[in-house]
Protein backbone atom coordinates (compact mmCIF):
# COMPACT_ATOMS: atom_id res chain seq x y z
CA MET A 1 -0.66 -14.69 -7.27
CA VAL A 2 1.30 -15.82 -4.23
CA SER A 3 4.60 -14.63 -5.66
CA VAL A 4 3.09 -11.24 -6.61
CA LYS A 5 1.65 -10.85 -3.11
CA TYR A 6 4.96 -11.84 -1.56
CA GLY A 7 6.80 -9.40 -3.81
CA LEU A 8 4.49 -6.50 -2.94
CA ASN A 9 4.67 -7.46 0.72
CA GLN A 10 8.48 -7.33 0.61
CA LEU A 11 8.47 -3.99 -1.21
CA LEU A 12 6.07 -2.48 1.31
CA LEU A 13 8.09 -3.75 4.27
CA GLU A 14 11.59 -2.85 3.16
CA ASN A 15 11.42 0.94 3.20
CA SER A 16 10.38 3.87 5.33
CA LEU A 17 6.61 4.30 5.09
CA ASN A 18 6.47 2.96 8.66
CA LEU A 19 3.94 0.22 7.98
CA THR A 20 4.06 -2.85 10.16
CA GLN A 21 3.81 -6.38 8.84
CA LYS A 22 0.32 -6.64 10.36
CA GLN A 23 -0.90 -3.47 8.60
CA ILE A 24 0.48 -4.61 5.27
CA THR A 25 -1.07 -8.06 5.67
CA GLN A 26 -4.46 -6.57 6.55
CA PHE A 27 -4.31 -4.22 3.56
CA LEU A 28 -3.43 -7.04 1.16
CA PHE A 29 -6.19 -9.25 2.58
CA ALA A 30 -8.66 -6.38 2.08
CA VAL A 31 -7.59 -6.03 -1.54
CA GLN A 32 -7.95 -9.76 -2.08
CA GLY A 33 -11.32 -9.83 -0.30
CA ILE A 34 -12.74 -7.08 -2.50
CA GLY A 35 -11.41 -8.92 -5.56
CA ILE A 36 -13.02 -12.17 -4.43
CA MET A 37 -16.36 -10.42 -3.91
CA PHE A 38 -16.19 -8.83 -7.36
CA VAL A 39 -15.35 -12.13 -9.08
CA GLY A 40 -18.02 -13.98 -7.08
CA ILE A 41 -20.77 -11.54 -8.04
CA PHE A 42 -19.56 -11.57 -11.64
CA LEU A 43 -19.69 -15.36 -11.80
CA VAL A 44 -23.14 -15.52 -10.23
CA ALA A 45 -24.42 -12.96 -12.73
CA TYR A 46 -22.80 -14.75 -15.64
CA LEU A 47 -23.63 -18.33 -14.70
CA GLY A 48 -27.02 -17.58 -13.12
CA GLY A 49 -28.74 -17.47 -16.49
CA LEU A 50 -27.64 -20.94 -17.55
CA PRO A 51 -28.87 -23.10 -19.33
CA THR A 52 -30.43 -20.26 -21.34
CA THR A 53 -28.52 -17.49 -23.10
CA ASN A 54 -29.56 -14.90 -20.50
CA VAL A 55 -26.73 -13.02 -18.85
CA LEU A 56 -27.72 -11.11 -15.74
CA HIS A 57 -25.04 -8.38 -15.81
CA ILE A 58 -27.56 -5.82 -17.03
CA GLU A 59 -29.85 -6.31 -14.03
CA PRO A 60 -29.46 -3.53 -11.43
CA VAL A 61 -29.22 -6.14 -8.66
CA PHE A 62 -25.92 -7.29 -10.18
CA ARG A 63 -24.79 -4.18 -12.06
CA ILE A 64 -24.63 -1.87 -9.03
CA PRO A 65 -22.55 -4.18 -6.78
CA LEU A 66 -20.31 -5.02 -9.74
CA ALA A 67 -19.70 -1.34 -10.37
CA VAL A 68 -19.04 -0.58 -6.69
CA PHE A 69 -16.77 -3.56 -5.99
CA GLY A 70 -15.04 -3.24 -9.37
CA LEU A 71 -14.22 0.41 -8.77
CA LEU A 72 -13.12 -0.24 -5.19
CA PHE A 73 -10.94 -3.14 -6.33
CA LEU A 74 -9.35 -1.02 -9.05
CA VAL A 75 -8.60 1.79 -6.59
CA LEU A 76 -7.08 -0.60 -4.04
CA VAL A 77 -4.91 -2.31 -6.65
CA LEU A 78 -3.66 1.05 -7.92
CA ALA A 79 -3.02 2.19 -4.33
CA THR A 80 -1.03 -0.97 -3.70
CA LEU A 81 1.10 -0.38 -6.77
CA VAL A 82 1.70 3.27 -5.83
CA LEU A 83 2.64 2.33 -2.26
CA ALA A 84 5.00 -0.34 -3.52
CA ALA A 85 6.63 2.11 -5.93
CA LEU A 86 7.00 4.77 -3.22
CA ARG A 87 8.51 2.29 -0.81
CA ARG A 88 10.91 1.07 -3.45
CA LYS A 89 12.08 4.63 -4.17
CA ASN A 90 12.90 5.23 -0.52
C-alpha cells in the first residue's frame, strides 16, 4: 500500500490542480482513516460472534455504519483515482 500511496501522492503533486503537499497528505490520510474504520467495524462484526457460527453483519448496529463507511470509502477512493488521472493528464 505504501508504493500505491506514494504513486498517487506523486501524481497529485506533479501537475496543475494547485494542491499543496499538506492538502494531499491530509486527503490521503482521510481516505486511509475511513478505510481503517470500515475494516475495523467489519472485523468486529465478523469476529464478534465467535466461537459460535453467528455473524453480526445483519444487525443494524453494524450494518448501518458498515454501509455508511463503505460508501464513503468507495467515494473517496474513486475521487482519488479521478484526481490522479486529471493531474496526470495536465
